[in-house]
PDB file of N, CA and C in Angstrom:
ATOM      1  N   MET A   1      -9.566  -9.332 -14.463  1.00  0.00           N
ATOM      2  CA  MET A   1      -9.156  -8.063 -14.578  1.00  0.00           C
ATOM      3  C   MET A   1      -8.973  -7.850 -16.131  1.00  0.00           C
ATOM      4  N   PRO A   2      -8.386  -8.693 -17.425  1.00  0.00           N
ATOM      5  CA  PRO A   2      -8.275  -8.446 -18.430  1.00  0.00           C
ATOM      6  C   PRO A   2      -9.633  -7.859 -19.338  1.00  0.00           C
ATOM      7  N   ALA A   3     -10.664  -8.661 -18.666  1.00  0.00           N
ATOM      8  CA  ALA A   3     -12.090  -8.404 -19.516  1.00  0.00           C
ATOM      9  C   ALA A   3     -12.372  -6.937 -19.239  1.00  0.00           C
ATOM     10  N   ALA A   4     -12.260  -6.444 -17.884  1.00  0.00           N
ATOM     11  CA  ALA A   4     -12.534  -5.080 -17.608  1.00  0.00           C
ATOM     12  C   ALA A   4     -11.792  -4.192 -18.587  1.00  0.00           C
ATOM     13  N   ASN A   5     -10.455  -4.309 -18.613  1.00  0.00           N
ATOM     14  CA  ASN A   5      -9.618  -3.771 -19.283  1.00  0.00           C
ATOM     15  C   ASN A   5      -9.964  -3.617 -20.676  1.00  0.00           C
ATOM     16  N   LEU A   6     -10.071  -4.680 -21.536  1.00  0.00           N
ATOM     17  CA  LEU A   6     -10.827  -4.549 -22.702  1.00  0.00           C
ATOM     18  C   LEU A   6     -12.153  -3.899 -22.943  1.00  0.00           C
ATOM     19  N   ALA A   7     -12.881  -4.042 -21.818  1.00  0.00           N
ATOM     20  CA  ALA A   7     -14.121  -3.254 -21.956  1.00  0.00           C
ATOM     21  C   ALA A   7     -13.772  -1.651 -21.896  1.00  0.00           C
ATOM     22  N   LEU A   8     -12.997  -1.344 -21.035  1.00  0.00           N
ATOM     23  CA  LEU A   8     -12.773   0.039 -21.205  1.00  0.00           C
ATOM     24  C   LEU A   8     -12.059   0.649 -22.159  1.00  0.00           C
ATOM     25  N   GLU A   9     -11.329  -0.319 -22.835  1.00  0.00           N
ATOM     26  CA  GLU A   9     -10.425   0.060 -24.351  1.00  0.00           C
ATOM     27  C   GLU A   9     -11.638   0.325 -25.171  1.00  0.00           C
ATOM     28  N   ASP A  10     -12.624  -0.551 -25.351  1.00  0.00           N
ATOM     29  CA  ASP A  10     -13.735  -0.551 -26.379  1.00  0.00           C
ATOM     30  C   ASP A  10     -14.498   1.062 -26.107  1.00  0.00           C
ATOM     31  N   VAL A  11     -15.004   1.274 -24.457  1.00  0.00           N
ATOM     32  CA  VAL A  11     -15.673   2.428 -24.386  1.00  0.00           C
ATOM     33  C   VAL A  11     -14.913   3.808 -24.560  1.00  0.00           C
ATOM     34  N   ASN A  12     -13.353   3.668 -24.375  1.00  0.00           N
ATOM     35  CA  ASN A  12     -12.600   4.614 -24.489  1.00  0.00           C
ATOM     36  C   ASN A  12     -12.414   5.401 -26.139  1.00  0.00           C
ATOM     37  N   LYS A  13     -12.238   4.205 -27.037  1.00  0.00           N
ATOM     38  CA  LYS A  13     -12.308   4.120 -28.403  1.00  0.00           C
ATOM     39  C   LYS A  13     -13.317   5.161 -29.106  1.00  0.00           C
ATOM     40  N   ARG A  14     -14.631   4.690 -28.367  1.00  0.00           N
ATOM     41  CA  ARG A  14     -15.698   5.319 -29.201  1.00  0.00           C
ATOM     42  C   ARG A  14     -15.813   6.919 -28.867  1.00  0.00           C
ATOM     43  N   LYS A  15     -15.955   7.573 -29.914  1.00  0.00           N
ATOM     44  CA  LYS A  15     -15.949   9.056 -29.705  1.00  0.00           C
ATOM     45  C   LYS A  15     -17.597   9.336 -29.322  1.00  0.00           C
ATOM     46  N   ASP A  16     -18.396   8.721 -29.678  1.00  0.00           N
ATOM     47  CA  ASP A  16     -19.840   8.968 -29.213  1.00  0.00           C
ATOM     48  C   ASP A  16     -20.328   8.624 -27.631  1.00  0.00           C
ATOM     49  N   LEU A  17     -19.346   7.853 -27.280  1.00  0.00           N
ATOM     50  CA  LEU A  17     -19.631   7.619 -25.457  1.00  0.00           C
ATOM     51  C   LEU A  17     -18.844   8.530 -24.779  1.00  0.00           C
ATOM     52  N   LEU A  18     -19.304   9.325 -23.939  1.00  0.00           N
ATOM     53  CA  LEU A  18     -18.705  10.135 -22.767  1.00  0.00           C
ATOM     54  C   LEU A  18     -17.654  10.830 -23.640  1.00  0.00           C
ATOM     55  N   PRO A  19     -17.960  11.915 -24.403  1.00  0.00           N
ATOM     56  CA  PRO A  19     -16.856  12.451 -25.309  1.00  0.00           C
ATOM     57  C   PRO A  19     -16.157  13.556 -24.129  1.00  0.00           C
ATOM     58  N   GLY A  20     -14.777  13.463 -24.246  1.00  0.00           N
ATOM     59  CA  GLY A  20     -14.020  14.482 -23.326  1.00  0.00           C
ATOM     60  C   GLY A  20     -13.591  13.896 -22.102  1.00  0.00           C
ATOM     61  N   TYR A  21     -14.251  12.599 -21.833  1.00  0.00           N
ATOM     62  CA  TYR A  21     -13.681  11.609 -20.969  1.00  0.00           C
ATOM     63  C   TYR A  21     -12.714  10.579 -21.288  1.00  0.00           C
ATOM     64  N   VAL A  22     -12.034  10.124 -20.312  1.00  0.00           N
ATOM     65  CA  VAL A  22     -11.165   8.767 -20.579  1.00  0.00           C
ATOM     66  C   VAL A  22     -11.073   7.754 -19.246  1.00  0.00           C
ATOM     67  N   LEU A  23     -11.907   6.791 -19.279  1.00  0.00           N
ATOM     68  CA  LEU A  23     -12.032   5.847 -18.284  1.00  0.00           C
ATOM     69  C   LEU A  23     -10.886   5.002 -18.035  1.00  0.00           C
ATOM     70  N   LYS A  24     -10.488   5.065 -16.532  1.00  0.00           N
ATOM     71  CA  LYS A  24      -9.358   4.020 -16.133  1.00  0.00           C
ATOM     72  C   LYS A  24      -9.840   3.335 -15.168  1.00  0.00           C
ATOM     73  N   LEU A  25      -8.844   2.227 -14.865  1.00  0.00           N
ATOM     74  CA  LEU A  25      -9.067   1.069 -14.116  1.00  0.00           C
ATOM     75  C   LEU A  25      -8.174   1.540 -13.137  1.00  0.00           C
ATOM     76  N   HIS A  26      -8.507   1.337 -11.761  1.00  0.00           N
ATOM     77  CA  HIS A  26      -7.693   1.375 -10.368  1.00  0.00           C
ATOM     78  C   HIS A  26      -7.824   0.165  -9.686  1.00  0.00           C
ATOM     79  N   SER A  27      -6.996  -0.414  -9.373  1.00  0.00           N
ATOM     80  CA  SER A  27      -7.346  -1.879  -8.649  1.00  0.00           C
ATOM     81  C   SER A  27      -6.152  -2.110  -7.551  1.00  0.00           C
ATOM     82  N   ASN A  28      -7.056  -2.810  -6.502  1.00  0.00           N
ATOM     83  CA  ASN A  28      -6.268  -2.924  -5.316  1.00  0.00           C
ATOM     84  C   ASN A  28      -6.451  -4.845  -5.160  1.00  0.00           C
ATOM     85  N   ASP A  29      -5.554  -5.475  -4.429  1.00  0.00           N
ATOM     86  CA  ASP A  29      -6.264  -7.058  -4.165  1.00  0.00           C
ATOM     87  C   ASP A  29      -6.500  -6.994  -2.690  1.00  0.00           C
ATOM     88  N   SER A  30      -7.798  -7.464  -2.481  1.00  0.00           N
ATOM     89  CA  SER A  30      -8.449  -7.662  -1.239  1.00  0.00           C
ATOM     90  C   SER A  30      -7.934  -9.115  -0.388  1.00  0.00           C
ATOM     91  N   GLU A  31      -7.233  -9.723  -1.273  1.00  0.00           N
ATOM     92  CA  GLU A  31      -6.915 -11.034  -0.843  1.00  0.00           C
ATOM     93  C   GLU A  31      -8.207 -12.023  -0.422  1.00  0.00           C
ATOM     94  N   CYS A  32      -9.230 -11.330  -0.395  1.00  0.00           N
ATOM     95  CA  CYS A  32     -10.467 -12.207  -0.183  1.00  0.00           C
ATOM     96  C   CYS A  32     -10.718 -12.005   1.564  1.00  0.00           C
ATOM     97  N   GLU A  33      -9.947 -11.175   1.960  1.00  0.00           N
ATOM     98  CA  GLU A  33     -10.265 -10.836   3.317  1.00  0.00           C
ATOM     99  C   GLU A  33     -11.404  -9.666   3.644  1.00  0.00           C
ATOM    100  N   PRO A  34     -12.530  -9.833   4.086  1.00  0.00           N
ATOM    101  CA  PRO A  34     -13.444  -8.719   4.249  1.00  0.00           C
ATOM    102  C   PRO A  34     -12.741  -7.183   4.993  1.00  0.00           C
ATOM    103  N   GLY A  35     -11.814  -7.515   5.996  1.00  0.00           N
ATOM    104  CA  GLY A  35     -11.422  -6.259   6.483  1.00  0.00           C
ATOM    105  C   GLY A  35     -10.370  -5.700   5.584  1.00  0.00           C
ATOM    106  N   LEU A  36      -9.603  -6.319   4.701  1.00  0.00           N
ATOM    107  CA  LEU A  36      -8.511  -5.801   4.007  1.00  0.00           C
ATOM    108  C   LEU A  36      -9.390  -5.243   2.864  1.00  0.00           C
ATOM    109  N   GLY A  37     -10.502  -5.914   2.508  1.00  0.00           N
ATOM    110  CA  GLY A  37     -11.400  -5.079   1.245  1.00  0.00           C
ATOM    111  C   GLY A  37     -12.210  -3.994   1.866  1.00  0.00           C
ATOM    112  N   ALA A  38     -12.726  -3.747   3.067  1.00  0.00           N
ATOM    113  CA  ALA A  38     -12.793  -2.595   3.288  1.00  0.00           C
ATOM    114  C   ALA A  38     -12.051  -1.301   3.930  1.00  0.00           C
ATOM    115  N   SER A  39     -10.726  -1.907   3.852  1.00  0.00           N
ATOM    116  CA  SER A  39      -9.768  -0.911   4.153  1.00  0.00           C
ATOM    117  C   SER A  39      -9.157  -0.324   2.715  1.00  0.00           C
ATOM    118  N   VAL A  40      -9.028  -1.487   1.945  1.00  0.00           N
ATOM    119  CA  VAL A  40      -8.694  -1.229   0.269  1.00  0.00           C
ATOM    120  C   VAL A  40      -9.809  -0.144  -0.213  1.00  0.00           C
ATOM    121  N   MET A  41     -11.222  -0.322  -0.161  1.00  0.00           N
ATOM    122  CA  MET A  41     -12.059   0.294  -0.620  1.00  0.00           C
ATOM    123  C   MET A  41     -11.997   1.659  -0.253  1.00  0.00           C
ATOM    124  N   TYR A  42     -11.895   1.923   1.291  1.00  0.00           N
ATOM    125  CA  TYR A  42     -11.620   3.306   1.983  1.00  0.00           C
ATOM    126  C   TYR A  42     -10.464   4.155   1.388  1.00  0.00           C
ATOM    127  N   ASN A  43      -9.394   3.239   1.202  1.00  0.00           N
ATOM    128  CA  ASN A  43      -7.934   3.828   0.362  1.00  0.00           C
ATOM    129  C   ASN A  43      -8.547   4.533  -1.006  1.00  0.00           C
ATOM    130  N   LEU A  44      -9.184   3.592  -1.721  1.00  0.00           N
ATOM    131  CA  LEU A  44      -9.544   3.880  -3.066  1.00  0.00           C
ATOM    132  C   LEU A  44     -10.596   5.292  -3.171  1.00  0.00           C
ATOM    133  N   LEU A  45     -11.533   5.190  -2.414  1.00  0.00           N
ATOM    134  CA  LEU A  45     -12.159   6.282  -2.109  1.00  0.00           C
ATOM    135  C   LEU A  45     -11.750   7.591  -1.463  1.00  0.00           C
ATOM    136  N   TYR A  46     -11.016   7.454  -0.754  1.00  0.00           N
ATOM    137  CA  TYR A  46     -10.418   8.725  -0.253  1.00  0.00           C
ATOM    138  C   TYR A  46      -9.224   9.370  -1.151  1.00  0.00           C
ATOM    139  N   ASN A  47      -8.623   8.771  -2.100  1.00  0.00           N
ATOM    140  CA  ASN A  47      -7.512   9.375  -3.018  1.00  0.00           C
ATOM    141  C   ASN A  47      -7.804   9.504  -4.212  1.00  0.00           C
ATOM    142  N   GLU A  48      -7.355  10.452  -4.783  1.00  0.00           N
ATOM    143  CA  GLU A  48      -7.765  10.610  -6.408  1.00  0.00           C
ATOM    144  C   GLU A  48      -7.308   9.834  -7.278  1.00  0.00           C
ATOM    145  N   PRO A  49      -8.121   9.622  -8.227  1.00  0.00           N
ATOM    146  CA  PRO A  49      -9.277  10.241  -8.749  1.00  0.00           C
ATOM    147  C   PRO A  49     -10.513   9.784  -8.047  1.00  0.00           C
ATOM    148  N   THR A  50     -11.384  10.502  -8.568  1.00  0.00           N
ATOM    149  CA  THR A  50     -12.776  10.025  -7.852  1.00  0.00           C
ATOM    150  C   THR A  50     -13.131   8.905  -8.720  1.00  0.00           C
ATOM    151  N   LYS A  51     -13.823   7.899  -7.931  1.00  0.00           N
ATOM    152  CA  LYS A  51     -14.148   6.516  -8.140  1.00  0.00           C
ATOM    153  C   LYS A  51     -15.549   6.469  -8.418  1.00  0.00           C
ATOM    154  N   LEU A  52     -15.949   5.698  -9.585  1.00  0.00           N
ATOM    155  CA  LEU A  52     -17.675   5.654  -9.926  1.00  0.00           C
ATOM    156  C   LEU A  52     -18.067   4.356  -9.883  1.00  0.00           C
ATOM    157  N   MET A  53     -17.329   3.223  -9.626  1.00  0.00           N
ATOM    158  CA  MET A  53     -17.853   2.227  -9.726  1.00  0.00           C
ATOM    159  C   MET A  53     -16.685   0.901  -8.992  1.00  0.00           C
ATOM    160  N   LEU A  54     -17.218   0.033  -7.907  1.00  0.00           N
ATOM    161  CA  LEU A  54     -16.431  -0.802  -7.485  1.00  0.00           C
ATOM    162  C   LEU A  54     -16.725  -2.294  -8.103  1.00  0.00           C
ATOM    163  N   LEU A  55     -15.518  -2.979  -8.060  1.00  0.00           N
ATOM    164  CA  LEU A  55     -15.884  -4.331  -8.719  1.00  0.00           C
ATOM    165  C   LEU A  55     -15.442  -5.514  -7.607  1.00  0.00           C
ATOM    166  N   ALA A  56     -16.055  -6.478  -7.363  1.00  0.00           N
ATOM    167  CA  ALA A  56     -15.606  -7.294  -6.290  1.00  0.00           C
ATOM    168  C   ALA A  56     -16.034  -8.519  -6.779  1.00  0.00           C
ATOM    169  N   GLY A  57     -15.079  -9.434  -6.311  1.00  0.00           N
ATOM    170  CA  GLY A  57     -14.992 -10.883  -6.629  1.00  0.00           C
ATOM    171  C   GLY A  57     -15.514 -11.598  -5.565  1.00  0.00           C
ATOM    172  N   CYS A  58     -14.809 -11.939  -4.534  1.00  0.00           N
ATOM    173  CA  CYS A  58     -14.827 -12.748  -3.592  1.00  0.00           C
ATOM    174  C   CYS A  58     -16.259 -12.307  -2.834  1.00  0.00           C
ATOM    175  N   SER A  59     -16.956 -13.453  -2.150  1.00  0.00           N
ATOM    176  CA  SER A  59     -18.433 -13.049  -1.769  1.00  0.00           C
ATOM    177  C   SER A  59     -18.120 -12.285  -0.167  1.00  0.00           C
ATOM    178  N   THR A  60     -17.187 -12.403   0.296  1.00  0.00           N
ATOM    179  CA  THR A  60     -17.013 -12.307   1.366  1.00  0.00           C
ATOM    180  C   THR A  60     -16.808 -10.523   1.578  1.00  0.00           C
ATOM    181  N   VAL A  61     -15.735 -10.451   1.016  1.00  0.00           N
ATOM    182  CA  VAL A  61     -15.509  -9.152   0.417  1.00  0.00           C
ATOM    183  C   VAL A  61     -16.552  -8.279  -0.317  1.00  0.00           C
ATOM    184  N   CYS A  62     -17.125  -8.717  -1.223  1.00  0.00           N
ATOM    185  CA  CYS A  62     -18.285  -8.427  -1.849  1.00  0.00           C
ATOM    186  C   CYS A  62     -19.248  -7.978  -1.009  1.00  0.00           C
ATOM    187  N   THR A  63     -19.945  -8.570  -0.242  1.00  0.00           N
ATOM    188  CA  THR A  63     -21.017  -8.355   0.864  1.00  0.00           C
ATOM    189  C   THR A  63     -20.345  -7.136   1.796  1.00  0.00           C
ATOM    190  N   THR A  64     -19.373  -7.047   2.166  1.00  0.00           N
ATOM    191  CA  THR A  64     -18.889  -5.849   3.258  1.00  0.00           C
ATOM    192  C   THR A  64     -18.638  -4.795   2.325  1.00  0.00           C
ATOM    193  N   VAL A  65     -18.113  -4.882   1.105  1.00  0.00           N
ATOM    194  CA  VAL A  65     -17.826  -3.548  -0.088  1.00  0.00           C
ATOM    195  C   VAL A  65     -19.461  -2.917  -0.063  1.00  0.00           C
ATOM    196  N   ALA A  66     -20.239  -3.870  -0.601  1.00  0.00           N
ATOM    197  CA  ALA A  66     -21.551  -3.377  -1.174  1.00  0.00           C
ATOM    198  C   ALA A  66     -22.342  -2.606   0.077  1.00  0.00           C
ATOM    199  N   GLU A  67     -22.177  -3.290   1.152  1.00  0.00           N
ATOM    200  CA  GLU A  67     -22.856  -2.764   2.495  1.00  0.00           C
ATOM    201  C   GLU A  67     -22.302  -1.115   2.686  1.00  0.00           C
ATOM    202  N   ALA A  68     -21.109  -0.921   2.337  1.00  0.00           N
ATOM    203  CA  ALA A  68     -20.249   0.366   2.601  1.00  0.00           C
ATOM    204  C   ALA A  68     -20.356   1.273   1.430  1.00  0.00           C
ATOM    205  N   ALA A  69     -20.643   0.554   0.485  1.00  0.00           N
ATOM    206  CA  ALA A  69     -20.733   1.662  -0.956  1.00  0.00           C
ATOM    207  C   ALA A  69     -21.912   2.338  -1.305  1.00  0.00           C
ATOM    208  N   LYS A  70     -22.901   1.745  -0.531  1.00  0.00           N
ATOM    209  CA  LYS A  70     -24.018   2.567  -0.782  1.00  0.00           C
ATOM    210  C   LYS A  70     -24.085   3.929  -0.181  1.00  0.00           C
ATOM    211  N   MET A  71     -23.199   4.072   0.754  1.00  0.00           N
ATOM    212  CA  MET A  71     -23.119   5.385   1.710  1.00  0.00           C
ATOM    213  C   MET A  71     -22.496   6.728   0.900  1.00  0.00           C
ATOM    214  N   TRP A  72     -21.923   6.109  -0.185  1.00  0.00           N
ATOM    215  CA  TRP A  72     -21.372   6.887  -1.172  1.00  0.00           C
ATOM    216  C   TRP A  72     -22.021   6.832  -2.513  1.00  0.00           C
ATOM    217  N   ASN A  73     -23.169   6.475  -2.633  1.00  0.00           N
ATOM    218  CA  ASN A  73     -23.815   5.914  -3.668  1.00  0.00           C
ATOM    219  C   ASN A  73     -23.183   5.690  -5.126  1.00  0.00           C
ATOM    220  N   LEU A  74     -22.296   4.352  -4.871  1.00  0.00           N
ATOM    221  CA  LEU A  74     -21.234   3.988  -5.718  1.00  0.00           C
ATOM    222  C   LEU A  74     -21.841   2.834  -6.373  1.00  0.00           C
ATOM    223  N   VAL A  75     -21.869   2.322  -7.402  1.00  0.00           N
ATOM    224  CA  VAL A  75     -22.079   1.432  -8.247  1.00  0.00           C
ATOM    225  C   VAL A  75     -21.284  -0.053  -7.716  1.00  0.00           C
ATOM    226  N   VAL A  76     -21.724  -0.978  -7.374  1.00  0.00           N
ATOM    227  CA  VAL A  76     -20.811  -2.513  -7.123  1.00  0.00           C
ATOM    228  C   VAL A  76     -20.951  -3.490  -7.936  1.00  0.00           C
ATOM    229  N   VAL A  77     -20.497  -3.834  -8.870  1.00  0.00           N
ATOM    230  CA  VAL A  77     -20.583  -5.091  -9.459  1.00  0.00           C
ATOM    231  C   VAL A  77     -19.844  -6.276  -9.144  1.00  0.00           C
ATOM    232  N   SER A  78     -20.433  -7.276  -9.200  1.00  0.00           N
ATOM    233  CA  SER A  78     -20.503  -8.667  -8.395  1.00  0.00           C
ATOM    234  C   SER A  78     -21.316  -9.540  -9.217  1.00  0.00           C
ATOM    235  N   THR A  79     -21.245 -10.744  -8.983  1.00  0.00           N
ATOM    236  CA  THR A  79     -22.107 -11.909  -9.326  1.00  0.00           C
ATOM    237  C   THR A  79     -22.856 -12.336  -8.320  1.00  0.00           C
ATOM    238  N   PHE A  80     -23.887 -13.104  -8.879  1.00  0.00           N
ATOM    239  CA  PHE A  80     -25.318 -13.499  -8.139  1.00  0.00           C
ATOM    240  C   PHE A  80     -24.537 -14.509  -7.096  1.00  0.00           C
ATOM    241  N   PRO A  81     -25.177 -14.385  -5.819  1.00  0.00           N
ATOM    242  CA  PRO A  81     -26.271 -13.335  -5.126  1.00  0.00           C
ATOM    243  C   PRO A  81     -25.651 -12.354  -4.651  1.00  0.00           C
ATOM    244  N   PHE A  82     -24.500 -11.995  -4.589  1.00  0.00           N
ATOM    245  CA  PHE A  82     -24.046 -11.183  -3.687  1.00  0.00           C
ATOM    246  C   PHE A  82     -23.910  -9.325  -4.529  1.00  0.00           C
ATOM    247  N   PHE A  83     -25.129  -9.178  -5.023  1.00  0.00           N
ATOM    248  CA  PHE A  83     -25.384  -7.762  -5.380  1.00  0.00           C
ATOM    249  C   PHE A  83     -26.261  -7.083  -4.795  1.00  0.00           C
ATOM    250  N   TYR A  84     -26.357  -6.012  -4.525  1.00  0.00           N
ATOM    251  CA  TYR A  84     -27.552  -4.978  -3.964  1.00  0.00           C
ATOM    252  C   TYR A  84     -28.038  -4.008  -4.772  1.00  0.00           C
TER     253      TYR A  84
END
């Protein structure tokens, strides 16, 4: 998560990128459990603010989240080979 936070800081500092917007990171821990990962994803999606991207680490959770996220036209970021 530290790298994601640093990236957000860099983007938010630039006045030429997304003027008038501030990107924020909202996170929950799926504990590498696919069922919990799906529950966390739905909780994040159905509560404000609107989410644009999902980050997944564990392969079992990533596969579950990626399959469901496409229904909301969301971007899922993960490592090879668990991306769609």
